[in-house]
PDB file of N, CA and C in Angstrom:
ATOM      1  N   UNK A   1    -106.037-126.259 -99.243  1.00  0.00           N
ATOM      2  CA  UNK A   1    -106.040-125.062-100.094  1.00  0.00           C
ATOM      3  C   UNK A   1    -104.725-124.170 -99.804  1.00  0.00           C
ATOM      4  N   UNK A   2    -104.364-124.115 -98.655  1.00  0.00           N
ATOM      5  CA  UNK A   2    -103.178-123.294 -98.268  1.00  0.00           C
ATOM      6  C   UNK A   2    -101.994-123.495 -99.256  1.00  0.00           C
ATOM      7  N   UNK A   3    -101.807-124.612 -99.798  1.00  0.00           N
ATOM      8  CA  UNK A   3    -100.733-124.750-100.614  1.00  0.00           C
ATOM      9  C   UNK A   3    -100.880-124.430-102.009  1.00  0.00           C
ATOM     10  N   UNK A   4    -102.076-124.048-102.390  1.00  0.00           N
ATOM     11  CA  UNK A   4    -102.438-123.745-103.788  1.00  0.00           C
ATOM     12  C   UNK A   4    -101.956-122.307-104.284  1.00  0.00           C
ATOM     13  N   UNK A   5    -101.289-122.432-105.415  1.00  0.00           N
ATOM     14  CA  UNK A   5    -100.933-121.013-106.025  1.00  0.00           C
ATOM     15  C   UNK A   5    -102.050-120.385-106.806  1.00  0.00           C
ATOM     16  N   UNK A   6    -101.944-119.250-107.333  1.00  0.00           N
ATOM     17  CA  UNK A   6    -102.800-118.484-107.887  1.00  0.00           C
ATOM     18  C   UNK A   6    -103.661-119.391-109.000  1.00  0.00           C
ATOM     19  N   UNK A   7    -102.869-120.007-109.803  1.00  0.00           N
ATOM     20  CA  UNK A   7    -103.334-120.777-111.097  1.00  0.00           C
ATOM     21  C   UNK A   7    -104.272-121.911-110.547  1.00  0.00           C
ATOM     22  N   UNK A   8    -103.782-122.361-109.558  1.00  0.00           N
ATOM     23  CA  UNK A   8    -104.436-123.597-109.026  1.00  0.00           C
ATOM     24  C   UNK A   8    -105.817-123.174-108.426  1.00  0.00           C
ATOM     25  N   UNK A   9    -105.815-121.963-107.769  1.00  0.00           N
ATOM     26  CA  UNK A   9    -107.049-121.389-107.122  1.00  0.00           C
ATOM     27  C   UNK A   9    -108.070-120.914-108.151  1.00  0.00           C
ATOM     28  N   UNK A  10    -107.472-120.534-109.330  1.00  0.00           N
ATOM     29  CA  UNK A  10    -108.328-120.018-110.395  1.00  0.00           C
ATOM     30  C   UNK A  10    -109.009-121.246-111.048  1.00  0.00           C
ATOM     31  N   UNK A  11    -108.426-122.442-111.089  1.00  0.00           N
ATOM     32  CA  UNK A  11    -109.134-123.769-111.596  1.00  0.00           C
ATOM     33  C   UNK A  11    -110.108-124.124-110.583  1.00  0.00           C
ATOM     34  N   UNK A  12    -109.814-123.947-109.367  1.00  0.00           N
ATOM     35  CA  UNK A  12    -110.807-124.468-108.336  1.00  0.00           C
ATOM     36  C   UNK A  12    -112.076-123.526-108.320  1.00  0.00           C
ATOM     37  N   UNK A  13    -111.789-122.275-108.571  1.00  0.00           N
ATOM     38  CA  UNK A  13    -113.073-121.233-108.521  1.00  0.00           C
ATOM     39  C   UNK A  13    -113.770-121.644-109.792  1.00  0.00           C
ATOM     40  N   UNK A  14    -113.065-121.993-110.968  1.00  0.00           N
ATOM     41  CA  UNK A  14    -113.902-122.374-112.294  1.00  0.00           C
ATOM     42  C   UNK A  14    -114.626-123.552-111.993  1.00  0.00           C
ATOM     43  N   UNK A  15    -114.197-124.417-111.265  1.00  0.00           N
ATOM     44  CA  UNK A  15    -114.988-125.749-110.933  1.00  0.00           C
ATOM     45  C   UNK A  15    -116.112-125.412-110.120  1.00  0.00           C
ATOM     46  N   UNK A  16    -115.909-124.533-109.057  1.00  0.00           N
ATOM     47  CA  UNK A  16    -117.203-124.142-108.293  1.00  0.00           C
ATOM     48  C   UNK A  16    -118.094-123.311-108.978  1.00  0.00           C
ATOM     49  N   UNK A  17    -117.780-122.507-109.889  1.00  0.00           N
ATOM     50  CA  UNK A  17    -118.449-121.663-110.813  1.00  0.00           C
ATOM     51  C   UNK A  17    -119.326-122.526-111.626  1.00  0.00           C
ATOM     52  N   UNK A  18    -118.823-123.635-112.185  1.00  0.00           N
ATOM     53  CA  UNK A  18    -119.630-124.411-113.065  1.00  0.00           C
ATOM     54  C   UNK A  18    -120.663-125.233-112.298  1.00  0.00           C
ATOM     55  N   UNK A  19    -120.446-125.402-110.894  1.00  0.00           N
ATOM     56  CA  UNK A  19    -121.337-125.987-110.060  1.00  0.00           C
ATOM     57  C   UNK A  19    -122.496-124.923-109.632  1.00  0.00           C
ATOM     58  N   UNK A  20    -122.269-123.781-109.917  1.00  0.00           N
ATOM     59  CA  UNK A  20    -123.073-122.582-109.167  1.00  0.00           C
ATOM     60  C   UNK A  20    -124.250-122.295-109.843  1.00  0.00           C
ATOM     61  N   UNK A  21    -124.687-122.895-110.886  1.00  0.00           N
ATOM     62  CA  UNK A  21    -125.767-122.751-111.693  1.00  0.00           C
ATOM     63  C   UNK A  21    -126.757-123.788-111.503  1.00  0.00           C
ATOM     64  N   UNK A  22    -128.145-123.581-110.953  1.00  0.00           N
ATOM     65  CA  UNK A  22    -128.976-124.505-110.798  1.00  0.00           C
ATOM     66  C   UNK A  22    -129.308-125.472-112.065  1.00  0.00           C
ATOM     67  N   UNK A  23    -129.310-124.865-113.127  1.00  0.00           N
ATOM     68  CA  UNK A  23    -129.526-125.533-114.374  1.00  0.00           C
ATOM     69  C   UNK A  23    -128.594-126.677-114.681  1.00  0.00           C
ATOM     70  N   UNK A  24    -127.292-126.274-114.496  1.00  0.00           N
ATOM     71  CA  UNK A  24    -126.162-127.291-114.574  1.00  0.00           C
ATOM     72  C   UNK A  24    -126.244-128.415-113.514  1.00  0.00           C
ATOM     73  N   UNK A  25    -126.689-128.097-112.272  1.00  0.00           N
ATOM     74  CA  UNK A  25    -126.827-129.101-111.325  1.00  0.00           C
ATOM     75  C   UNK A  25    -128.027-130.070-111.715  1.00  0.00           C
ATOM     76  N   UNK A  26    -129.068-129.574-112.229  1.00  0.00           N
ATOM     77  CA  UNK A  26    -130.178-130.368-112.743  1.00  0.00           C
ATOM     78  C   UNK A  26    -129.624-131.338-113.962  1.00  0.00           C
ATOM     79  N   UNK A  27    -128.734-130.832-114.652  1.00  0.00           N
ATOM     80  CA  UNK A  27    -128.384-131.574-115.899  1.00  0.00           C
ATOM     81  C   UNK A  27    -127.396-132.714-115.145  1.00  0.00           C
ATOM     82  N   UNK A  28    -126.527-132.367-114.306  1.00  0.00           N
ATOM     83  CA  UNK A  28    -125.605-133.273-113.724  1.00  0.00           C
ATOM     84  C   UNK A  28    -126.490-134.287-112.946  1.00  0.00           C
ATOM     85  N   UNK A  29    -127.464-133.907-112.268  1.00  0.00           N
ATOM     86  CA  UNK A  29    -128.277-134.968-111.559  1.00  0.00           C
ATOM     87  C   UNK A  29    -129.000-135.973-112.547  1.00  0.00           C
ATOM     88  N   UNK A  30    -129.240-135.504-113.790  1.00  0.00           N
ATOM     89  CA  UNK A  30    -129.746-136.560-114.774  1.00  0.00           C
ATOM     90  C   UNK A  30    -128.776-137.571-115.069  1.00  0.00           C
ATOM     91  N   UNK A  31    -127.376-137.392-114.900  1.00  0.00           N
ATOM     92  CA  UNK A  31    -126.339-138.295-115.199  1.00  0.00           C
ATOM     93  C   UNK A  31    -126.035-139.263-114.014  1.00  0.00           C
ATOM     94  N   UNK A  32    -126.706-139.042-112.872  1.00  0.00           N
ATOM     95  CA  UNK A  32    -126.387-139.892-111.752  1.00  0.00           C
ATOM     96  C   UNK A  32    -126.589-141.574-112.071  1.00  0.00           C
ATOM     97  N   UNK A  33    -127.640-141.796-113.053  1.00  0.00           N
ATOM     98  CA  UNK A  33    -127.843-143.184-113.210  1.00  0.00           C
ATOM     99  C   UNK A  33    -127.112-143.654-114.633  1.00  0.00           C
ATOM    100  N   UNK A  34    -126.198-142.889-114.960  1.00  0.00           N
ATOM    101  CA  UNK A  34    -125.468-143.255-116.258  1.00  0.00           C
ATOM    102  C   UNK A  34    -125.632-142.255-117.354  1.00  0.00           C
ATOM    103  N   UNK A  35    -125.019-142.397-118.421  1.00  0.00           N
ATOM    104  CA  UNK A  35    -124.747-141.554-119.486  1.00  0.00           C
ATOM    105  C   UNK A  35    -126.004-141.406-120.281  1.00  0.00           C
ATOM    106  N   UNK A  36    -126.088-140.145-120.841  1.00  0.00           N
ATOM    107  CA  UNK A  36    -127.292-139.804-121.465  1.00  0.00           C
ATOM    108  C   UNK A  36    -126.917-138.836-122.718  1.00  0.00           C
ATOM    109  N   UNK A  37    -127.686-138.844-123.886  1.00  0.00           N
ATOM    110  CA  UNK A  37    -127.622-137.964-124.786  1.00  0.00           C
ATOM    111  C   UNK A  37    -128.355-136.608-124.570  1.00  0.00           C
ATOM    112  N   UNK A  38    -128.199-135.792-125.531  1.00  0.00           N
ATOM    113  CA  UNK A  38    -128.792-134.354-125.180  1.00  0.00           C
ATOM    114  C   UNK A  38    -130.351-134.444-125.266  1.00  0.00           C
ATOM    115  N   UNK A  39    -130.883-135.242-126.002  1.00  0.00           N
ATOM    116  CA  UNK A  39    -132.345-135.438-126.192  1.00  0.00           C
ATOM    117  C   UNK A  39    -132.871-135.991-124.823  1.00  0.00           C
ATOM    118  N   UNK A  40    -132.232-137.005-124.349  1.00  0.00           N
ATOM    119  CA  UNK A  40    -132.639-137.559-123.085  1.00  0.00           C
ATOM    120  C   UNK A  40    -132.557-136.391-121.924  1.00  0.00           C
ATOM    121  N   UNK A  41    -131.471-135.725-121.899  1.00  0.00           N
ATOM    122  CA  UNK A  41    -131.396-134.756-120.756  1.00  0.00           C
ATOM    123  C   UNK A  41    -132.413-133.780-121.099  1.00  0.00           C
ATOM    124  N   UNK A  42    -132.637-133.283-122.121  1.00  0.00           N
ATOM    125  CA  UNK A  42    -133.679-132.342-122.389  1.00  0.00           C
ATOM    126  C   UNK A  42    -134.963-132.728-122.040  1.00  0.00           C
ATOM    127  N   UNK A  43    -135.392-134.053-122.275  1.00  0.00           N
ATOM    128  CA  UNK A  43    -136.718-134.658-121.807  1.00  0.00           C
ATOM    129  C   UNK A  43    -136.700-134.686-120.356  1.00  0.00           C
ATOM    130  N   UNK A  44    -135.659-135.200-119.632  1.00  0.00           N
ATOM    131  CA  UNK A  44    -135.629-135.289-118.203  1.00  0.00           C
ATOM    132  C   UNK A  44    -135.607-133.809-117.415  1.00  0.00           C
ATOM    133  N   UNK A  45    -135.173-132.957-118.060  1.00  0.00           N
ATOM    134  CA  UNK A  45    -135.011-131.747-117.332  1.00  0.00           C
ATOM    135  C   UNK A  45    -136.118-130.758-117.719  1.00  0.00           C
ATOM    136  N   UNK A  46    -136.753-130.895-118.926  1.00  0.00           N
ATOM    137  CA  UNK A  46    -137.829-130.063-119.487  1.00  0.00           C
ATOM    138  C   UNK A  46    -137.207-128.779-119.905  1.00  0.00           C
ATOM    139  N   UNK A  47    -135.933-128.681-120.254  1.00  0.00           N
ATOM    140  CA  UNK A  47    -135.181-127.592-120.681  1.00  0.00           C
ATOM    141  C   UNK A  47    -135.179-127.640-122.186  1.00  0.00           C
ATOM    142  N   UNK A  48    -134.800-126.465-122.752  1.00  0.00           N
ATOM    143  CA  UNK A  48    -134.676-126.529-124.305  1.00  0.00           C
ATOM    144  C   UNK A  48    -133.378-127.122-124.683  1.00  0.00           C
ATOM    145  N   UNK A  49    -133.463-127.668-125.917  1.00  0.00           N
ATOM    146  CA  UNK A  49    -132.112-128.328-126.498  1.00  0.00           C
ATOM    147  C   UNK A  49    -130.945-127.519-126.401  1.00  0.00           C
ATOM    148  N   UNK A  50    -130.973-126.243-127.020  1.00  0.00           N
ATOM    149  CA  UNK A  50    -130.036-125.306-127.177  1.00  0.00           C
ATOM    150  C   UNK A  50    -129.484-124.892-125.657  1.00  0.00           C
ATOM    151  N   UNK A  51    -130.336-124.668-124.754  1.00  0.00           N
ATOM    152  CA  UNK A  51    -129.999-124.461-123.330  1.00  0.00           C
ATOM    153  C   UNK A  51    -129.254-125.619-122.830  1.00  0.00           C
ATOM    154  N   UNK A  52    -129.698-126.834-122.980  1.00  0.00           N
ATOM    155  CA  UNK A  52    -129.054-128.039-122.416  1.00  0.00           C
ATOM    156  C   UNK A  52    -127.592-128.084-123.051  1.00  0.00           C
ATOM    157  N   UNK A  53    -127.601-128.017-124.504  1.00  0.00           N
ATOM    158  CA  UNK A  53    -126.315-128.078-125.213  1.00  0.00           C
ATOM    159  C   UNK A  53    -125.286-127.057-124.549  1.00  0.00           C
ATOM    160  N   UNK A  54    -125.551-125.742-124.380  1.00  0.00           N
ATOM    161  CA  UNK A  54    -124.924-124.693-123.928  1.00  0.00           C
ATOM    162  C   UNK A  54    -124.189-125.024-122.510  1.00  0.00           C
ATOM    163  N   UNK A  55    -125.025-125.558-121.647  1.00  0.00           N
ATOM    164  CA  UNK A  55    -124.659-125.945-120.185  1.00  0.00           C
ATOM    165  C   UNK A  55    -123.680-127.177-120.314  1.00  0.00           C
ATOM    166  N   UNK A  56    -124.045-128.165-121.141  1.00  0.00           N
ATOM    167  CA  UNK A  56    -123.186-129.435-121.303  1.00  0.00           C
ATOM    168  C   UNK A  56    -121.832-128.767-121.815  1.00  0.00           C
ATOM    169  N   UNK A  57    -121.774-127.867-122.767  1.00  0.00           N
ATOM    170  CA  UNK A  57    -120.454-127.499-123.232  1.00  0.00           C
ATOM    171  C   UNK A  57    -119.472-126.945-122.201  1.00  0.00           C
ATOM    172  N   UNK A  58    -120.182-126.178-121.311  1.00  0.00           N
ATOM    173  CA  UNK A  58    -119.407-125.443-120.222  1.00  0.00           C
ATOM    174  C   UNK A  58    -119.139-126.692-119.147  1.00  0.00           C
ATOM    175  N   UNK A  59    -119.917-127.554-118.960  1.00  0.00           N
ATOM    176  CA  UNK A  59    -119.550-128.736-117.971  1.00  0.00           C
ATOM    177  C   UNK A  59    -118.548-129.497-118.474  1.00  0.00           C
ATOM    178  N   UNK A  60    -118.479-129.834-119.860  1.00  0.00           N
ATOM    179  CA  UNK A  60    -117.419-130.436-120.631  1.00  0.00           C
ATOM    180  C   UNK A  60    -116.013-129.613-120.438  1.00  0.00           C
ATOM    181  N   UNK A  61    -116.068-128.356-120.666  1.00  0.00           N
ATOM    182  CA  UNK A  61    -114.973-127.579-120.511  1.00  0.00           C
ATOM    183  C   UNK A  61    -114.325-127.408-119.251  1.00  0.00           C
ATOM    184  N   UNK A  62    -115.244-127.531-118.172  1.00  0.00           N
ATOM    185  CA  UNK A  62    -114.796-127.549-116.758  1.00  0.00           C
ATOM    186  C   UNK A  62    -114.198-128.863-116.158  1.00  0.00           C
ATOM    187  N   UNK A  63    -114.459-129.900-117.139  1.00  0.00           N
ATOM    188  CA  UNK A  63    -114.035-131.196-116.793  1.00  0.00           C
ATOM    189  C   UNK A  63    -114.944-132.094-116.115  1.00  0.00           C
ATOM    190  N   UNK A  64    -116.281-131.558-115.666  1.00  0.00           N
ATOM    191  CA  UNK A  64    -117.202-132.129-114.974  1.00  0.00           C
ATOM    192  C   UNK A  64    -117.777-133.451-115.665  1.00  0.00           C
ATOM    193  N   UNK A  65    -118.027-133.256-117.060  1.00  0.00           N
ATOM    194  CA  UNK A  65    -118.583-134.341-117.776  1.00  0.00           C
ATOM    195  C   UNK A  65    -117.611-134.804-118.895  1.00  0.00           C
ATOM    196  N   UNK A  66    -117.881-136.012-119.374  1.00  0.00           N
ATOM    197  CA  UNK A  66    -117.214-136.533-120.510  1.00  0.00           C
ATOM    198  C   UNK A  66    -118.170-136.747-121.612  1.00  0.00           C
ATOM    199  N   UNK A  67    -117.668-136.666-122.896  1.00  0.00           N
ATOM    200  CA  UNK A  67    -118.601-137.054-123.958  1.00  0.00           C
ATOM    201  C   UNK A  67    -118.063-138.022-124.880  1.00  0.00           C
ATOM    202  N   UNK A  68    -118.892-138.755-125.506  1.00  0.00           N
ATOM    203  CA  UNK A  68    -118.466-139.882-126.347  1.00  0.00           C
ATOM    204  C   UNK A  68    -119.544-140.001-127.611  1.00  0.00           C
ATOM    205  N   UNK A  69    -118.987-140.106-128.723  1.00  0.00           N
ATOM    206  CA  UNK A  69    -119.924-140.271-129.950  1.00  0.00           C
ATOM    207  C   UNK A  69    -120.293-141.821-129.996  1.00  0.00           C
ATOM    208  N   UNK A  70    -121.726-141.853-130.127  1.00  0.00           N
ATOM    209  CA  UNK A  70    -122.136-143.297-130.424  1.00  0.00           C
ATOM    210  C   UNK A  70    -122.969-143.240-131.583  1.00  0.00           C
ATOM    211  N   UNK A  71    -122.389-143.534-132.788  1.00  0.00           N
ATOM    212  CA  UNK A  71    -123.212-143.270-134.091  1.00  0.00           C
ATOM    213  C   UNK A  71    -123.351-141.850-134.291  1.00  0.00           C
ATOM    214  N   UNK A  72    -124.710-141.431-134.471  1.00  0.00           N
ATOM    215  CA  UNK A  72    -124.868-139.981-134.585  1.00  0.00           C
ATOM    216  C   UNK A  72    -125.041-139.247-133.331  1.00  0.00           C
ATOM    217  N   UNK A  73    -125.127-139.914-132.309  1.00  0.00           N
ATOM    218  CA  UNK A  73    -125.476-139.193-131.061  1.00  0.00           C
ATOM    219  C   UNK A  73    -124.241-139.081-130.034  1.00  0.00           C
ATOM    220  N   UNK A  74    -124.236-137.939-129.408  1.00  0.00           N
ATOM    221  CA  UNK A  74    -123.196-137.738-128.430  1.00  0.00           C
ATOM    222  C   UNK A  74    -123.801-137.880-127.046  1.00  0.00           C
ATOM    223  N   UNK A  75    -123.050-138.730-126.298  1.00  0.00           N
ATOM    224  CA  UNK A  75    -123.411-139.184-124.925  1.00  0.00           C
ATOM    225  C   UNK A  75    -122.556-138.504-123.898  1.00  0.00           C
ATOM    226  N   UNK A  76    -123.272-137.982-122.899  1.00  0.00           N
ATOM    227  CA  UNK A  76    -122.480-137.316-121.847  1.00  0.00           C
ATOM    228  C   UNK A  76    -122.490-138.158-120.580  1.00  0.00           C
ATOM    229  N   UNK A  77    -121.366-138.046-119.858  1.00  0.00           N
ATOM    230  CA  UNK A  77    -121.420-138.951-118.397  1.00  0.00           C
ATOM    231  C   UNK A  77    -120.697-137.963-117.488  1.00  0.00           C
ATOM    232  N   UNK A  78    -120.927-138.301-116.293  1.00  0.00           N
ATOM    233  CA  UNK A  78    -120.102-137.599-115.233  1.00  0.00           C
ATOM    234  C   UNK A  78    -118.618-137.981-115.266  1.00  0.00           C
ATOM    235  N   UNK A  79    -117.797-137.157-115.178  1.00  0.00           N
ATOM    236  CA  UNK A  79    -116.440-137.448-115.406  1.00  0.00           C
ATOM    237  C   UNK A  79    -115.741-138.105-114.085  1.00  0.00           C
ATOM    238  N   UNK A  80    -116.248-137.731-112.967  1.00  0.00           N
ATOM    239  CA  UNK A  80    -115.817-138.334-111.632  1.00  0.00           C
ATOM    240  C   UNK A  80    -116.910-138.382-110.513  1.00  0.00           C
ATOM    241  N   UNK A  81    -117.182-139.472-109.976  1.00  0.00           N
ATOM    242  CA  UNK A  81    -118.096-139.775-109.009  1.00  0.00           C
ATOM    243  C   UNK A  81    -117.978-138.655-107.904  1.00  0.00           C
ATOM    244  N   UNK A  82    -116.776-138.350-107.609  1.00  0.00           N
ATOM    245  CA  UNK A  82    -116.591-137.382-106.477  1.00  0.00           C
ATOM    246  C   UNK A  82    -117.335-136.013-106.570  1.00  0.00           C
ATOM    247  N   UNK A  83    -117.716-135.711-107.768  1.00  0.00           N
ATOM    248  CA  UNK A  83    -118.577-134.558-108.150  1.00  0.00           C
ATOM    249  C   UNK A  83    -119.957-134.874-107.385  1.00  0.00           C
ATOM    250  N   UNK A  84    -120.485-136.105-107.513  1.00  0.00           N
ATOM    251  CA  UNK A  84    -121.826-136.251-106.701  1.00  0.00           C
ATOM    252  C   UNK A  84    -121.541-136.245-105.276  1.00  0.00           C
ATOM    253  N   UNK A  85    -120.405-136.910-104.825  1.00  0.00           N
ATOM    254  CA  UNK A  85    -120.094-137.080-103.434  1.00  0.00           C
ATOM    255  C   UNK A  85    -119.993-135.429-102.797  1.00  0.00           C
ATOM    256  N   UNK A  86    -119.413-134.613-103.508  1.00  0.00           N
ATOM    257  CA  UNK A  86    -119.279-133.199-103.210  1.00  0.00           C
ATOM    258  C   UNK A  86    -120.798-132.638-103.041  1.00  0.00           C
ATOM    259  N   UNK A  87    -121.434-132.822-104.148  1.00  0.00           N
ATOM    260  CA  UNK A  87    -122.715-132.165-104.277  1.00  0.00           C
ATOM    261  C   UNK A  87    -123.690-132.667-103.021  1.00  0.00           C
ATOM    262  N   UNK A  88    -123.596-133.911-102.745  1.00  0.00           N
ATOM    263  CA  UNK A  88    -124.283-134.563-101.664  1.00  0.00           C
ATOM    264  C   UNK A  88    -123.897-133.958-100.228  1.00  0.00           C
ATOM    265  N   UNK A  89    -122.602-133.838-100.191  1.00  0.00           N
ATOM    266  CA  UNK A  89    -122.171-133.236 -98.912  1.00  0.00           C
ATOM    267  C   UNK A  89    -122.610-131.901 -98.690  1.00  0.00           C
ATOM    268  N   UNK A  90    -122.570-131.009 -99.924  1.00  0.00           N
ATOM    269  CA  UNK A  90    -123.077-129.617 -99.786  1.00  0.00           C
ATOM    270  C   UNK A  90    -124.432-129.609 -99.648  1.00  0.00           C
ATOM    271  N   UNK A  91    -125.332-130.505-100.111  1.00  0.00           N
ATOM    272  CA  UNK A  91    -126.605-130.400 -99.909  1.00  0.00           C
ATOM    273  C   UNK A  91    -126.974-130.789 -98.539  1.00  0.00           C
ATOM    274  N   UNK A  92    -126.354-131.675 -97.852  1.00  0.00           N
ATOM    275  CA  UNK A  92    -126.517-131.914 -96.485  1.00  0.00           C
ATOM    276  C   UNK A  92    -126.040-130.761 -95.592  1.00  0.00           C
ATOM    277  N   UNK A  93    -125.056-130.038 -95.980  1.00  0.00           N
ATOM    278  CA  UNK A  93    -124.753-128.812 -95.173  1.00  0.00           C
ATOM    279  C   UNK A  93    -125.702-127.736 -95.202  1.00  0.00           C
ATOM    280  N   UNK A  94    -126.204-127.572 -96.451  1.00  0.00           N
ATOM    281  CA  UNK A  94    -127.277-126.586 -96.736  1.00  0.00           C
ATOM    282  C   UNK A  94    -128.420-126.980 -95.965  1.00  0.00           C
ATOM    283  N   UNK A  95    -128.970-128.143 -95.985  1.00  0.00           N
ATOM    284  CA  UNK A  95    -130.081-128.487 -95.072  1.00  0.00           C
ATOM    285  C   UNK A  95    -129.837-128.192 -93.707  1.00  0.00           C
ATOM    286  N   UNK A  96    -128.585-128.443 -93.073  1.00  0.00           N
ATOM    287  CA  UNK A  96    -128.388-128.123 -91.671  1.00  0.00           C
ATOM    288  C   UNK A  96    -128.534-126.699 -91.637  1.00  0.00           C
ATOM    289  N   UNK A  97    -127.945-125.899 -92.442  1.00  0.00           N
ATOM    290  CA  UNK A  97    -128.077-124.477 -92.234  1.00  0.00           C
ATOM    291  C   UNK A  97    -129.405-123.973 -92.290  1.00  0.00           C
ATOM    292  N   UNK A  98    -130.102-124.390 -93.231  1.00  0.00           N
ATOM    293  CA  UNK A  98    -131.566-124.062 -93.312  1.00  0.00           C
ATOM    294  C   UNK A  98    -132.354-124.405 -92.064  1.00  0.00           C
ATOM    295  N   UNK A  99    -132.206-125.653 -91.495  1.00  0.00           N
ATOM    296  CA  UNK A  99    -132.671-126.154 -90.302  1.00  0.00           C
ATOM    297  C   UNK A  99    -132.313-125.171 -89.171  1.00  0.00           C
ATOM    298  N   UNK A 100    -131.091-124.790 -89.003  1.00  0.00           N
ATOM    299  CA  UNK A 100    -130.645-123.976 -87.918  1.00  0.00           C
ATOM    300  C   UNK A 100    -131.251-122.637 -88.128  1.00  0.00           C
ATOM    301  N   UNK A 101    -131.447-121.913 -89.254  1.00  0.00           N
ATOM    302  CA  UNK A 101    -132.107-120.627 -89.510  1.00  0.00           C
ATOM    303  C   UNK A 101    -133.461-120.883 -89.222  1.00  0.00           C
ATOM    304  N   UNK A 102    -134.078-121.799 -89.566  1.00  0.00           N
ATOM    305  CA  UNK A 102    -135.535-122.049 -89.180  1.00  0.00           C
ATOM    306  C   UNK A 102    -135.663-122.286 -87.805  1.00  0.00           C
ATOM    307  N   UNK A 103    -134.891-122.901 -87.152  1.00  0.00           N
ATOM    308  CA  UNK A 103    -134.908-122.995 -85.526  1.00  0.00           C
ATOM    309  C   UNK A 103    -134.726-121.664 -84.869  1.00  0.00           C
ATOM    310  N   UNK A 104    -133.799-120.940 -85.399  1.00  0.00           N
ATOM    311  CA  UNK A 104    -133.439-119.611 -84.736  1.00  0.00           C
ATOM    312  C   UNK A 104    -134.637-118.701 -85.096  1.00  0.00           C
ATOM    313  N   UNK A 105    -135.347-118.636 -86.233  1.00  0.00           N
ATOM    314  CA  UNK A 105    -136.427-117.779 -86.571  1.00  0.00           C
ATOM    315  C   UNK A 105    -137.589-118.252 -85.577  1.00  0.00           C
ATOM    316  N   UNK A 106    -137.931-119.379 -85.389  1.00  0.00           N
ATOM    317  CA  UNK A 106    -138.890-119.894 -84.621  1.00  0.00           C
ATOM    318  C   UNK A 106    -138.710-119.496 -83.055  1.00  0.00           C
ATOM    319  N   UNK A 107    -137.437-119.545 -82.654  1.00  0.00           N
ATOM    320  CA  UNK A 107    -137.064-119.182 -81.335  1.00  0.00           C
ATOM    321  C   UNK A 107    -137.277-117.648 -81.215  1.00  0.00           C
ATOM    322  N   UNK A 108    -136.931-116.792 -82.164  1.00  0.00           N
ATOM    323  CA  UNK A 108    -137.051-115.341 -82.197  1.00  0.00           C
ATOM    324  C   UNK A 108    -138.506-114.979 -82.077  1.00  0.00           C
ATOM    325  N   UNK A 109    -139.411-115.713 -82.964  1.00  0.00           N
ATOM    326  CA  UNK A 109    -140.735-115.482 -82.917  1.00  0.00           C
ATOM    327  C   UNK A 109    -141.438-115.614 -81.595  1.00  0.00           C
ATOM    328  N   UNK A 110    -140.995-116.727 -80.982  1.00  0.00           N
ATOM    329  CA  UNK A 110    -141.688-117.065 -79.649  1.00  0.00           C
ATOM    330  C   UNK A 110    -141.185-116.086 -78.609  1.00  0.00           C
ATOM    331  N   UNK A 111    -139.963-115.689 -78.644  1.00  0.00           N
ATOM    332  CA  UNK A 111    -139.455-114.536 -77.802  1.00  0.00           C
ATOM    333  C   UNK A 111    -140.129-113.241 -78.098  1.00  0.00           C
ATOM    334  N   UNK A 112    -140.474-112.879 -79.264  1.00  0.00           N
ATOM    335  CA  UNK A 112    -141.051-111.505 -79.674  1.00  0.00           C
ATOM    336  C   UNK A 112    -142.494-111.693 -79.189  1.00  0.00           C
ATOM    337  N   UNK A 113    -143.046-112.964 -79.212  1.00  0.00           N
ATOM    338  CA  UNK A 113    -144.491-113.120 -78.953  1.00  0.00           C
ATOM    339  C   UNK A 113    -144.656-112.974 -77.485  1.00  0.00           C
ATOM    340  N   UNK A 114    -143.701-113.295 -76.667  1.00  0.00           N
ATOM    341  CA  UNK A 114    -143.810-113.106 -75.224  1.00  0.00           C
ATOM    342  C   UNK A 114    -143.652-111.735 -74.860  1.00  0.00           C
ATOM    343  N   UNK A 115    -142.964-110.929 -75.698  1.00  0.00           N
ATOM    344  CA  UNK A 115    -142.822-109.371 -75.442  1.00  0.00           C
ATOM    345  C   UNK A 115    -144.055-108.658 -75.801  1.00  0.00           C
ATOM    346  N   UNK A 116    -144.747-109.046 -76.728  1.00  0.00           N
ATOM    347  CA  UNK A 116    -145.922-108.270 -77.407  1.00  0.00           C
ATOM    348  C   UNK A 116    -147.253-108.590 -76.504  1.00  0.00           C
ATOM    349  N   UNK A 117    -147.060-109.572 -75.562  1.00  0.00           N
ATOM    350  CA  UNK A 117    -148.176-109.893 -74.650  1.00  0.00           C
ATOM    351  C   UNK A 117    -148.493-108.900 -73.672  1.00  0.00           C
TER     352      UNK A 117
END
């Protein structure tokens, strides 16, 4: 990141901004097993069609998904497997953070419990 200019950093921030919305992460997760159309994504996420379409448009503009017309339907697919790799890495990191926080909280509770006796 050190060698990136302001323009590149702006693109990186936009990429992470696109990934920062839980609804968009749910939509991306439906694409793990291959391309889907809006109706399929709507059914899998239990979100409204307009909501799914709005988020897919942003994901497309951000370069995270591709789209292709097949007859009258438009199908979406993940643009790069590295997106899932990144999300899996972040999820693992978040799990470790939560574990540490939970462990620290339990340790603090034990210490406080000893003080209140």
